[in-house]
N, C-alpha and C. Protein backbone atom coordinates (compact mmCIF):
# COMPACT_ATOMS: atom_id res chain seq x y z
N UNK A 1 -45.02 -5.57 -21.91
CA UNK A 1 -43.73 -5.24 -21.41
C UNK A 1 -42.82 -6.22 -21.98
N UNK A 2 -41.72 -5.90 -22.61
CA UNK A 2 -40.67 -6.84 -22.95
C UNK A 2 -39.62 -7.05 -21.82
N UNK A 3 -39.27 -8.32 -21.59
CA UNK A 3 -38.54 -8.79 -20.49
C UNK A 3 -37.14 -9.20 -21.20
N UNK A 4 -36.17 -8.45 -20.65
CA UNK A 4 -34.79 -8.87 -21.12
C UNK A 4 -34.00 -9.52 -20.09
N UNK A 5 -33.24 -10.47 -20.27
CA UNK A 5 -32.35 -11.22 -19.36
C UNK A 5 -31.05 -11.16 -19.89
N UNK A 6 -30.09 -10.94 -18.89
CA UNK A 6 -28.69 -10.92 -19.32
C UNK A 6 -27.88 -11.59 -18.06
N UNK A 7 -26.77 -12.35 -18.32
CA UNK A 7 -25.96 -13.01 -17.33
C UNK A 7 -24.87 -12.13 -17.43
N UNK A 8 -24.25 -11.69 -16.17
CA UNK A 8 -23.31 -10.93 -15.90
C UNK A 8 -22.08 -11.84 -15.22
N UNK A 9 -20.96 -11.73 -15.32
CA UNK A 9 -19.92 -12.30 -14.62
C UNK A 9 -19.08 -11.27 -14.07
N UNK A 10 -19.10 -11.41 -12.68
CA UNK A 10 -18.26 -10.28 -11.86
C UNK A 10 -16.88 -10.72 -11.44
N UNK A 11 -16.01 -9.86 -11.32
CA UNK A 11 -14.75 -10.02 -10.71
C UNK A 11 -15.05 -10.15 -9.01
N UNK A 12 -14.33 -10.73 -8.39
CA UNK A 12 -14.26 -10.85 -6.78
C UNK A 12 -14.39 -9.32 -6.40
N UNK A 13 -15.40 -9.20 -5.49
CA UNK A 13 -15.41 -7.76 -4.87
C UNK A 13 -16.09 -6.62 -5.71
N UNK A 14 -16.62 -6.92 -6.80
CA UNK A 14 -17.41 -6.05 -7.54
C UNK A 14 -18.77 -6.32 -7.84
N UNK A 15 -19.77 -5.37 -7.77
CA UNK A 15 -21.31 -5.65 -7.92
C UNK A 15 -21.88 -4.85 -8.96
N UNK A 16 -22.70 -5.42 -9.69
CA UNK A 16 -23.49 -4.64 -10.66
C UNK A 16 -24.86 -4.31 -10.16
N UNK A 17 -25.10 -3.04 -9.84
CA UNK A 17 -26.42 -2.68 -9.08
C UNK A 17 -27.27 -1.96 -9.94
N UNK A 18 -28.63 -2.21 -9.65
CA UNK A 18 -29.77 -1.53 -10.40
C UNK A 18 -30.70 -0.90 -9.61
N UNK A 19 -31.03 0.26 -10.21
CA UNK A 19 -32.32 1.04 -9.64
C UNK A 19 -33.64 0.39 -9.94
N UNK A 20 -34.58 1.04 -9.17
CA UNK A 20 -35.95 0.24 -9.51
C UNK A 20 -36.58 1.10 -10.56
N UNK A 21 -35.99 2.26 -11.19
CA UNK A 21 -36.84 2.86 -12.27
C UNK A 21 -35.69 3.03 -13.40
N UNK A 22 -35.68 1.97 -14.29
CA UNK A 22 -34.66 2.02 -15.61
C UNK A 22 -34.60 3.27 -16.34
N UNK A 23 -35.60 4.08 -16.56
CA UNK A 23 -35.31 5.35 -17.18
C UNK A 23 -34.72 6.45 -16.31
N UNK A 24 -34.93 6.39 -15.09
CA UNK A 24 -34.33 7.43 -14.17
C UNK A 24 -33.33 7.13 -13.14
N UNK A 25 -33.03 5.94 -13.02
CA UNK A 25 -32.08 5.33 -12.02
C UNK A 25 -30.70 5.86 -12.32
N UNK A 26 -29.85 6.10 -11.29
CA UNK A 26 -28.42 6.41 -11.40
C UNK A 26 -27.89 4.96 -10.91
N UNK A 27 -27.44 3.91 -11.68
CA UNK A 27 -27.01 2.65 -11.24
C UNK A 27 -25.83 2.21 -12.26
N UNK A 28 -25.45 0.91 -12.14
CA UNK A 28 -24.36 0.49 -12.84
C UNK A 28 -24.41 0.48 -14.29
N UNK A 29 -25.61 0.64 -14.85
CA UNK A 29 -25.66 0.94 -16.24
C UNK A 29 -24.99 2.23 -16.59
N UNK A 30 -25.21 3.32 -15.62
CA UNK A 30 -24.55 4.49 -15.87
C UNK A 30 -23.17 4.61 -15.56
N UNK A 31 -22.83 4.00 -14.35
CA UNK A 31 -21.29 4.29 -13.78
C UNK A 31 -20.70 2.96 -13.57
N UNK A 32 -21.09 1.82 -14.02
CA UNK A 32 -20.24 0.71 -14.02
C UNK A 32 -20.46 -0.13 -12.64
N UNK A 33 -19.41 -0.87 -12.56
CA UNK A 33 -19.24 -1.93 -11.49
C UNK A 33 -18.89 -1.13 -10.03
N UNK A 34 -19.74 -1.62 -9.08
CA UNK A 34 -19.44 -1.05 -7.80
C UNK A 34 -18.42 -1.80 -6.88
N UNK A 35 -17.45 -1.33 -6.26
CA UNK A 35 -16.53 -2.13 -5.44
C UNK A 35 -17.32 -2.30 -4.26
N UNK A 36 -17.14 -3.56 -3.62
CA UNK A 36 -17.72 -3.90 -2.31
C UNK A 36 -17.13 -2.83 -1.11
N UNK A 37 -16.21 -2.12 -1.20
CA UNK A 37 -15.85 -1.05 -0.24
C UNK A 37 -16.85 -0.04 -0.13
N UNK A 38 -17.33 0.20 -1.30
CA UNK A 38 -18.27 1.35 -1.38
C UNK A 38 -19.64 1.12 -1.07
N UNK A 39 -20.03 -0.24 -0.63
CA UNK A 39 -21.36 -0.38 -0.24
C UNK A 39 -21.49 -0.06 1.29
N UNK A 40 -22.45 0.65 1.68
CA UNK A 40 -22.45 1.13 3.00
C UNK A 40 -23.71 0.75 3.72
N UNK A 41 -24.56 0.09 3.20
CA UNK A 41 -25.75 -0.46 3.74
C UNK A 41 -26.18 -2.04 3.44
N UNK A 42 -27.36 -2.43 4.01
CA UNK A 42 -27.93 -3.76 3.55
C UNK A 42 -29.37 -3.51 3.24
N UNK A 43 -30.05 -4.45 2.60
CA UNK A 43 -31.41 -4.49 2.31
C UNK A 43 -31.85 -4.96 3.71
N UNK A 44 -33.05 -4.24 4.02
CA UNK A 44 -33.87 -4.64 5.18
C UNK A 44 -35.17 -5.16 4.75
N UNK A 45 -35.80 -4.57 3.87
CA UNK A 45 -37.20 -5.12 3.36
C UNK A 45 -37.07 -5.12 1.92
N UNK A 46 -37.84 -6.29 1.53
CA UNK A 46 -37.99 -6.59 -0.05
C UNK A 46 -39.38 -6.27 -0.38
N UNK A 47 -39.75 -5.65 -1.43
CA UNK A 47 -41.13 -5.61 -1.74
C UNK A 47 -41.54 -6.15 -3.04
N UNK A 48 -40.48 -6.73 -3.68
CA UNK A 48 -40.53 -7.42 -5.03
C UNK A 48 -39.88 -8.63 -5.03
N UNK A 49 -40.20 -9.81 -5.47
CA UNK A 49 -41.57 -9.96 -5.88
C UNK A 49 -42.68 -10.03 -4.92
N UNK A 50 -43.82 -9.50 -5.12
CA UNK A 50 -44.99 -9.30 -4.09
C UNK A 50 -44.95 -10.46 -3.18
N UNK A 51 -45.02 -11.82 -3.61
CA UNK A 51 -45.17 -12.87 -2.73
C UNK A 51 -44.06 -13.23 -1.84
N UNK A 52 -42.93 -12.28 -1.88
CA UNK A 52 -41.97 -12.32 -0.99
C UNK A 52 -41.44 -11.30 -0.12
N UNK A 53 -42.78 -10.30 -0.11
CA UNK A 53 -42.62 -9.18 0.79
C UNK A 53 -42.33 -9.45 2.19
N UNK A 54 -41.29 -8.65 2.75
CA UNK A 54 -41.04 -8.79 4.26
C UNK A 54 -39.57 -8.46 4.49
N UNK A 55 -39.25 -8.89 5.67
CA UNK A 55 -37.80 -8.46 6.10
C UNK A 55 -36.85 -9.51 5.37
N UNK A 56 -35.61 -8.99 5.01
CA UNK A 56 -34.55 -9.66 4.26
C UNK A 56 -33.53 -10.04 5.30
N UNK A 57 -33.31 -11.30 5.46
CA UNK A 57 -32.20 -12.01 6.24
C UNK A 57 -31.02 -12.29 5.25
N UNK A 58 -31.38 -12.76 4.07
CA UNK A 58 -30.43 -13.14 3.27
C UNK A 58 -31.12 -12.88 1.83
N UNK A 59 -30.33 -12.42 0.65
CA UNK A 59 -30.86 -12.16 -0.59
C UNK A 59 -31.50 -13.23 -1.26
N UNK A 60 -31.26 -14.47 -0.86
CA UNK A 60 -31.88 -15.52 -1.44
C UNK A 60 -33.29 -15.72 -0.75
N UNK A 61 -33.67 -15.05 0.29
CA UNK A 61 -34.97 -15.15 0.91
C UNK A 61 -35.77 -14.20 0.11
N UNK A 62 -35.19 -13.22 -0.40
CA UNK A 62 -36.21 -12.31 -1.27
C UNK A 62 -36.44 -12.75 -2.68
N UNK A 63 -36.13 -14.01 -2.88
CA UNK A 63 -36.56 -14.42 -4.17
C UNK A 63 -35.67 -14.29 -5.30
N UNK A 64 -34.52 -13.95 -5.21
CA UNK A 64 -33.44 -13.60 -6.16
C UNK A 64 -32.43 -14.74 -6.18
N UNK A 65 -32.05 -14.98 -7.38
CA UNK A 65 -31.11 -16.03 -7.91
C UNK A 65 -29.66 -15.45 -7.61
N UNK A 66 -28.83 -16.13 -6.99
CA UNK A 66 -27.41 -15.85 -6.71
C UNK A 66 -26.55 -16.56 -7.57
N UNK A 67 -26.01 -16.30 -8.48
CA UNK A 67 -24.87 -17.03 -9.21
C UNK A 67 -23.63 -17.13 -8.54
N UNK A 68 -22.88 -18.16 -8.53
CA UNK A 68 -21.76 -18.49 -7.95
C UNK A 68 -20.66 -19.01 -9.05
């Protein structure tokens, strides 16, 4: 499987969100940047990467890099 990496720079208050199935997800690849005001929930559990499975109190805890 080929791994693709890209760096995105966001304007304040906008998020690029991705689904878990690239071929069938409705996500920012389809409809663009998501305004923060349209986010209606929080992640409670992360199952990827497997070594970080569990409850999420902070996105950094789930093993993701947050660029600032």
